[in-house]
Amino acid sequence: MSVTKTIAVVGATGATAGGLARAILSDPGGGYACRAITRDPESAAARALSAQGATVVKADLDDYDSLVSAFDGAAGAFCMTNFFVNFSAEQEAEQAANQARAAAAAGVRHAIWSTAEDTRRWYPLDDDRMPTLHGGYKVPNWDGKGEGDSSFAAAGVPTTYLLAPFHWEAFVFGLGEPQPGPDGGRTIAIPLGEARLPGITAEDIGRCAYAIFQDPARFVGETVGIAGEHTTGDELAAGLSEVFGEPVRYQHVPAEVFRELPFPGADLAANMFQFVAEDNGYATRRDVALATSLNPSLVSFAEWVAATRVHVPAEV
């Protein structure tokens, strides 16, 4: 008789980890159960996961003991942080350490750490090509995650380091939504130049992570970078034109200009896109072929556009 293995999914009510939770729950014969870890078990998203068969458990990433309890008895743990909750890279690194130590203490046999590049490896703090932000970071929302890698190594928990790219959904429902210009037309104005931007659906990140959990011998100790497709700014804008049903333009804005724009986080976003555009291997580390091998139903950008177009409400 086969034993059902539990995967504890941190952030299961969010986009990325929610994709993993749904991948587990949609495969009832796969031998895995979903334990959804969330700060608010009474949220609508948590109740929806419970209705689909997940066990919902409360834990706080700043509370090590709650994480040990949440991971107890789990064979796998999907670990992640969200910079935009507290806007603190230091706190992200601490939360990574809490999860790593808790996974080790709970006897988790395979953790996936949703990480990112510590861009200070490419741009030291004294490198004036890119301004230093938040007292000691170049791209704070990535650097704290990258700093967390060492916590998982130090804790000794068998870990796969997952590098995911931008979510295409963020360009429709999130901070990347094309903004109306003076003429009323929408524009994606970012410091990308002619570089290609890796992207993926949040659901496909989850499906790829589920496949990694199913093959620990292959992936423990490895850094796995995935993408659904790499698009130029013009290609991204063309697809979003179809999604919104109106023209969307792409406009390259030099990083030094972008970081002076009058909105919170402009400097952070400028550094982030500068890192992608200056060919530090960001795109090559995110492999479409590898993602396809993990998830044969991987959604292309065109397929995502066609599926998303019908869900964007028309303006009245």
Protein backbone atom coordinates (compact mmCIF):
# COMPACT_ATOMS: atom_id res chain seq x y z
CA MET A 1 0.00 0.00 0.00
CA SER A 2 1.51 3.35 -1.06
CA VAL A 3 1.99 6.10 1.52
CA THR A 4 0.69 9.59 0.75
CA LYS A 5 3.42 12.19 1.15
CA THR A 6 2.56 15.64 2.42
CA ILE A 7 3.96 18.76 0.80
CA ALA A 8 3.79 21.85 3.00
CA VAL A 9 3.24 24.88 0.77
CA VAL A 10 4.20 28.25 2.23
CA GLY A 11 2.15 31.10 0.78
CA ALA A 12 -0.40 28.71 -0.69
CA THR A 13 -3.04 31.43 -0.92
CA GLY A 14 -0.84 33.54 -3.22
CA ALA A 15 -0.16 33.29 -6.93
CA THR A 16 3.08 31.31 -7.16
CA ALA A 17 2.60 28.85 -4.32
CA GLY A 18 -1.10 28.66 -5.10
CA GLY A 19 -0.18 27.16 -8.45
CA LEU A 20 1.68 24.39 -6.65
CA ALA A 21 -1.19 23.80 -4.24
CA ARG A 22 -3.61 23.44 -7.14
CA ALA A 23 -1.21 21.15 -9.03
CA ILE A 24 -1.09 18.80 -6.04
CA LEU A 25 -4.85 18.92 -5.47
CA SER A 26 -5.62 18.29 -9.14
CA ASP A 27 -3.66 15.02 -9.03
CA PRO A 28 -5.48 12.95 -6.40
CA GLY A 29 -3.79 9.77 -7.54
CA GLY A 30 -0.30 11.21 -7.46
CA GLY A 31 0.50 10.14 -3.92
CA TYR A 32 0.85 13.66 -2.50
CA ALA A 33 -1.29 15.71 -0.13
CA CYS A 34 -1.27 19.49 0.13
CA ARG A 35 -0.77 21.25 3.45
CA ALA A 36 -1.46 24.93 2.76
CA ILE A 37 0.55 27.23 5.04
CA THR A 38 -0.93 30.70 5.48
CA ARG A 39 -1.06 33.58 7.95
CA ASP A 40 -4.86 33.72 7.65
CA PRO A 41 -6.64 30.35 7.52
CA GLU A 42 -9.98 32.17 7.41
CA SER A 43 -9.29 34.03 4.16
CA ALA A 44 -11.42 33.26 1.12
CA ALA A 45 -8.41 31.77 -0.69
CA ALA A 46 -7.61 29.50 2.26
CA ARG A 47 -11.21 28.33 2.51
CA ALA A 48 -11.21 27.59 -1.23
CA LEU A 49 -8.11 25.41 -0.88
CA SER A 50 -9.67 23.61 2.06
CA ALA A 51 -12.79 22.93 0.00
CA GLN A 52 -10.57 21.39 -2.69
CA GLY A 53 -8.96 19.02 -0.19
CA ALA A 54 -6.00 20.89 1.26
CA THR A 55 -5.20 20.87 4.96
CA VAL A 56 -4.88 24.54 5.94
CA VAL A 57 -2.38 25.37 8.69
CA LYS A 58 -1.57 28.75 10.22
CA ALA A 59 2.05 29.86 10.47
CA ASP A 60 4.04 33.09 10.41
CA LEU A 61 7.36 33.39 8.60
CA ASP A 62 8.67 35.52 11.45
CA ASP A 63 7.78 32.80 13.98
CA TYR A 64 10.21 29.89 13.81
CA ASP A 65 8.23 27.67 16.19
CA SER A 66 5.05 28.03 14.13
CA LEU A 67 6.98 26.93 11.06
CA VAL A 68 8.39 23.86 12.79
CA SER A 69 4.84 22.85 13.69
CA ALA A 70 3.59 23.59 10.19
CA PHE A 71 6.35 21.48 8.58
CA ASP A 72 6.10 18.60 11.07
CA GLY A 73 5.53 15.30 9.28
CA ALA A 74 5.82 16.80 5.79
CA ALA A 75 8.01 15.05 3.25
CA GLY A 76 8.42 18.23 1.20
CA ALA A 77 8.21 21.96 1.81
CA PHE A 78 7.85 24.77 -0.69
CA CYS A 79 9.47 27.81 0.90
CA MET A 80 9.15 31.40 -0.25
CA THR A 81 9.00 35.02 0.90
CA ASN A 82 7.24 38.12 -0.38
CA PHE A 83 9.35 41.27 -0.29
CA PHE A 84 6.35 43.48 -1.01
CA VAL A 85 4.66 42.64 2.29
CA ASN A 86 7.27 44.43 4.40
CA PHE A 87 9.63 45.97 1.80
CA SER A 88 12.60 44.63 3.73
CA ALA A 89 15.35 42.50 2.24
CA GLU A 90 16.76 41.95 5.73
CA GLN A 91 13.45 40.52 6.88
CA GLU A 92 13.25 38.31 3.78
CA ALA A 93 16.66 36.83 4.58
CA GLU A 94 15.58 36.22 8.17
CA GLN A 95 12.37 34.57 7.01
CA ALA A 96 14.37 32.34 4.67
CA ALA A 97 16.58 31.32 7.59
CA ASN A 98 13.51 30.56 9.72
CA GLN A 99 12.07 28.32 7.04
CA ALA A 100 15.38 26.54 6.41
CA ARG A 101 15.99 25.83 10.09
CA ALA A 102 12.37 24.80 10.63
CA ALA A 103 12.45 22.42 7.66
CA ALA A 104 15.60 20.81 9.02
CA ALA A 105 14.18 20.55 12.55
CA ALA A 106 10.96 19.01 11.23
CA GLY A 107 12.85 16.42 9.20
CA VAL A 108 11.67 17.64 5.79
CA ARG A 109 13.32 15.45 3.15
CA HIS A 110 13.09 17.89 0.24
CA ALA A 111 12.63 21.65 0.26
CA ILE A 112 12.18 23.91 -2.74
CA TRP A 113 13.38 27.45 -2.02
CA SER A 114 11.88 30.03 -4.38
CA THR A 115 14.92 32.24 -4.78
CA ALA A 116 16.43 34.91 -7.01
CA GLU A 117 19.84 36.27 -7.87
CA ASP A 118 21.77 38.17 -5.23
CA THR A 119 22.68 40.89 -7.72
CA ARG A 120 25.56 42.06 -5.53
CA ARG A 121 27.57 39.19 -7.01
CA TRP A 122 27.53 41.12 -10.29
CA TYR A 123 27.31 44.66 -8.91
CA PRO A 124 29.25 45.05 -5.64
CA LEU A 125 28.00 47.79 -3.36
CA ASP A 126 30.83 50.11 -4.42
CA ASP A 127 29.99 49.65 -8.12
CA ASP A 128 28.50 52.96 -9.22
CA ARG A 129 27.02 51.50 -12.42
CA MET A 130 23.97 50.73 -10.28
CA PRO A 131 22.93 52.75 -7.21
CA THR A 132 22.92 51.02 -3.84
CA LEU A 133 19.44 50.93 -2.27
CA HIS A 134 17.99 50.35 1.20
CA GLY A 135 21.40 50.68 2.82
CA GLY A 136 23.09 47.63 1.35
CA TYR A 137 21.37 46.17 -1.72
CA LYS A 138 21.28 46.64 -5.46
CA VAL A 139 17.94 44.91 -6.17
CA PRO A 140 16.51 44.47 -2.67
CA ASN A 141 13.57 42.27 -3.69
CA TRP A 142 16.00 39.76 -5.20
CA ASP A 143 19.11 40.17 -3.06
CA GLY A 144 17.39 39.11 0.17
CA LYS A 145 16.14 35.93 -1.47
CA GLY A 146 19.58 35.17 -2.91
CA GLU A 147 21.08 35.76 0.54
CA GLY A 148 18.67 33.14 1.84
CA ASP A 149 20.31 30.41 -0.26
CA SER A 150 23.11 30.07 2.25
CA SER A 151 20.60 29.48 5.06
CA PHE A 152 19.22 26.39 3.35
CA ALA A 153 22.74 25.10 2.70
CA ALA A 154 23.77 25.75 6.30
CA ALA A 155 20.66 24.07 7.72
CA GLY A 156 21.48 20.88 5.84
CA VAL A 157 17.97 20.38 4.49
CA PRO A 158 18.00 18.78 0.98
CA THR A 159 17.05 21.74 -1.20
CA THR A 160 16.28 22.65 -4.79
CA TYR A 161 16.77 26.34 -5.59
CA LEU A 162 14.02 27.48 -7.95
CA LEU A 163 14.59 30.52 -10.18
CA ALA A 164 11.30 31.73 -11.62
CA PRO A 165 10.88 34.72 -13.96
CA PHE A 166 8.33 37.52 -14.16
CA HIS A 167 4.66 36.48 -14.05
CA TRP A 168 2.81 37.55 -17.19
CA GLU A 169 -0.22 38.12 -14.97
CA ALA A 170 1.62 41.02 -13.33
CA PHE A 171 1.35 42.93 -16.61
CA VAL A 172 -2.44 42.70 -16.47
CA PHE A 173 -3.50 42.46 -12.85
CA GLY A 174 -0.41 43.75 -11.04
CA LEU A 175 2.19 46.49 -10.86
CA GLY A 176 3.30 45.99 -14.47
CA GLU A 177 -0.06 46.96 -15.98
CA PRO A 178 0.48 49.24 -19.01
CA GLN A 179 -0.33 52.80 -18.05
CA PRO A 180 -2.39 55.31 -20.09
CA GLY A 181 -0.30 58.11 -21.57
CA PRO A 182 -1.25 61.70 -22.39
CA ASP A 183 -2.96 60.52 -25.58
CA GLY A 184 -4.91 57.86 -23.70
CA GLY A 185 -2.96 54.96 -25.22
CA ARG A 186 -1.39 52.38 -22.95
CA THR A 187 2.41 52.10 -22.71
CA ILE A 188 4.87 49.70 -21.12
CA ALA A 189 7.73 52.05 -20.28
CA ILE A 190 10.61 50.10 -18.70
CA PRO A 191 14.44 50.03 -18.90
CA LEU A 192 14.63 46.83 -20.94
CA GLY A 193 16.19 47.96 -24.22
CA GLU A 194 16.29 45.15 -26.77
CA ALA A 195 16.76 42.43 -24.16
CA ARG A 196 14.40 39.49 -23.86
CA LEU A 197 12.33 39.19 -20.71
CA PRO A 198 11.62 35.66 -19.44
CA GLY A 199 8.03 35.19 -18.35
CA ILE A 200 5.69 32.43 -17.24
CA THR A 201 2.23 31.88 -15.79
CA ALA A 202 1.96 31.48 -12.04
CA GLU A 203 0.16 28.17 -12.57
CA ASP A 204 3.10 26.81 -14.57
CA ILE A 205 5.55 27.70 -11.80
CA GLY A 206 3.43 25.52 -9.54
CA ARG A 207 3.28 22.65 -12.01
CA CYS A 208 7.06 22.74 -12.47
CA ALA A 209 7.60 22.77 -8.71
CA TYR A 210 5.30 19.76 -8.33
CA ALA A 211 7.35 17.84 -10.90
CA ILE A 212 10.55 18.72 -9.00
CA PHE A 213 9.07 17.27 -5.81
CA GLN A 214 8.27 14.08 -7.71
CA ASP A 215 11.92 13.59 -8.74
CA PRO A 216 14.09 14.56 -5.75
CA ALA A 217 17.05 12.41 -6.80
CA ARG A 218 17.45 14.57 -9.90
CA PHE A 219 16.92 17.98 -8.37
CA VAL A 220 18.17 18.06 -4.76
CA GLY A 221 21.14 20.37 -4.58
CA GLU A 222 20.42 21.90 -7.99
CA THR A 223 19.44 25.38 -9.09
CA VAL A 224 16.53 25.08 -11.51
CA GLY A 225 15.61 28.07 -13.67
CA ILE A 226 12.34 27.97 -15.59
CA ALA A 227 10.44 30.14 -18.09
CA GLY A 228 7.44 29.81 -20.36
CA GLU A 229 8.92 32.05 -23.07
CA HIS A 230 11.34 34.94 -23.50
CA THR A 231 9.81 38.00 -25.16
CA THR A 232 11.14 41.36 -26.26
CA GLY A 233 9.42 44.51 -25.06
CA ASP A 234 7.74 44.88 -28.45
CA GLU A 235 6.48 41.28 -28.37
CA LEU A 236 5.19 41.75 -24.84
CA ALA A 237 3.35 44.90 -25.88
CA ALA A 238 1.85 43.21 -28.94
CA GLY A 239 0.46 40.40 -26.81
CA LEU A 240 -0.91 42.80 -24.22
CA SER A 241 -2.58 44.75 -27.02
CA GLU A 242 -4.65 41.63 -27.68
CA VAL A 243 -5.30 41.08 -23.98
CA PHE A 244 -6.60 44.62 -23.42
CA GLY A 245 -8.25 44.93 -26.81
CA GLU A 246 -6.48 48.21 -27.51
CA PRO A 247 -2.99 49.24 -28.64
CA VAL A 248 -0.19 48.87 -26.10
CA ARG A 249 3.19 50.39 -26.94
CA TYR A 250 6.60 49.44 -25.61
CA GLN A 251 8.93 52.29 -24.74
CA HIS A 252 12.48 51.83 -23.51
CA VAL A 253 13.28 54.28 -20.72
CA PRO A 254 16.94 54.52 -19.66
CA ALA A 255 17.43 53.24 -16.12
CA GLU A 256 18.85 56.55 -14.92
CA VAL A 257 15.68 58.29 -16.13
CA PHE A 258 13.29 55.64 -14.84
CA ARG A 259 14.67 55.69 -11.29
CA GLU A 260 13.81 59.39 -11.03
CA LEU A 261 10.15 58.87 -11.89
CA PRO A 262 7.74 60.08 -9.18
CA PHE A 263 6.34 56.82 -7.85
CA PRO A 264 7.36 54.62 -4.90
CA GLY A 265 9.84 51.91 -5.87
CA ALA A 266 10.96 53.50 -9.14
CA ASP A 267 14.60 53.14 -8.12
CA LEU A 268 14.10 49.48 -7.24
CA ALA A 269 12.32 48.71 -10.53
CA ALA A 270 14.99 50.57 -12.50
CA ASN A 271 17.76 48.51 -10.94
CA MET A 272 15.79 45.31 -11.49
CA PHE A 273 15.25 45.90 -15.20
CA GLN A 274 18.80 47.19 -15.60
CA PHE A 275 20.05 43.88 -14.24
CA VAL A 276 17.94 41.97 -16.77
CA ALA A 277 18.85 44.24 -19.69
CA GLU A 278 22.61 44.24 -19.14
CA ASP A 279 22.94 40.54 -19.96
CA ASN A 280 24.10 39.13 -16.65
CA GLY A 281 22.70 35.73 -17.62
CA TYR A 282 19.27 36.42 -16.13
CA ALA A 283 17.50 35.08 -19.21
CA THR A 284 19.80 32.15 -19.91
CA ARG A 285 19.39 30.93 -16.33
CA ARG A 286 15.65 30.56 -17.00
CA ASP A 287 15.27 27.69 -19.42
CA VAL A 288 12.11 27.07 -21.46
CA ALA A 289 13.25 23.58 -22.50
CA LEU A 290 13.80 22.54 -18.89
CA ALA A 291 10.42 23.95 -17.87
CA THR A 292 8.80 22.01 -20.72
CA SER A 293 10.47 18.79 -19.58
CA LEU A 294 9.01 19.35 -16.12
CA ASN A 295 5.62 20.45 -17.39
CA PRO A 296 4.75 19.24 -20.91
CA SER A 297 1.60 21.40 -20.84
CA LEU A 298 3.70 24.57 -20.39
CA VAL A 299 1.75 27.58 -21.64
CA SER A 300 3.37 29.76 -24.32
CA PHE A 301 2.97 33.53 -24.33
CA ALA A 302 0.52 33.35 -27.24
CA GLU A 303 -1.56 30.73 -25.43
CA TRP A 304 -1.58 32.84 -22.29
CA VAL A 305 -2.68 35.89 -24.30
CA ALA A 306 -5.56 33.97 -25.86
CA ALA A 307 -6.69 32.61 -22.49
CA THR A 308 -6.31 35.90 -20.63
CA ARG A 309 -8.02 38.12 -23.18
CA VAL A 310 -11.47 36.78 -22.29
CA HIS A 311 -10.94 37.50 -18.59
CA VAL A 312 -10.11 41.19 -18.87
CA PRO A 313 -13.37 43.12 -18.44
CA ALA A 314 -14.15 45.66 -21.11
CA GLU A 315 -14.47 49.23 -19.92
CA VAL A 316 -18.02 50.53 -19.86
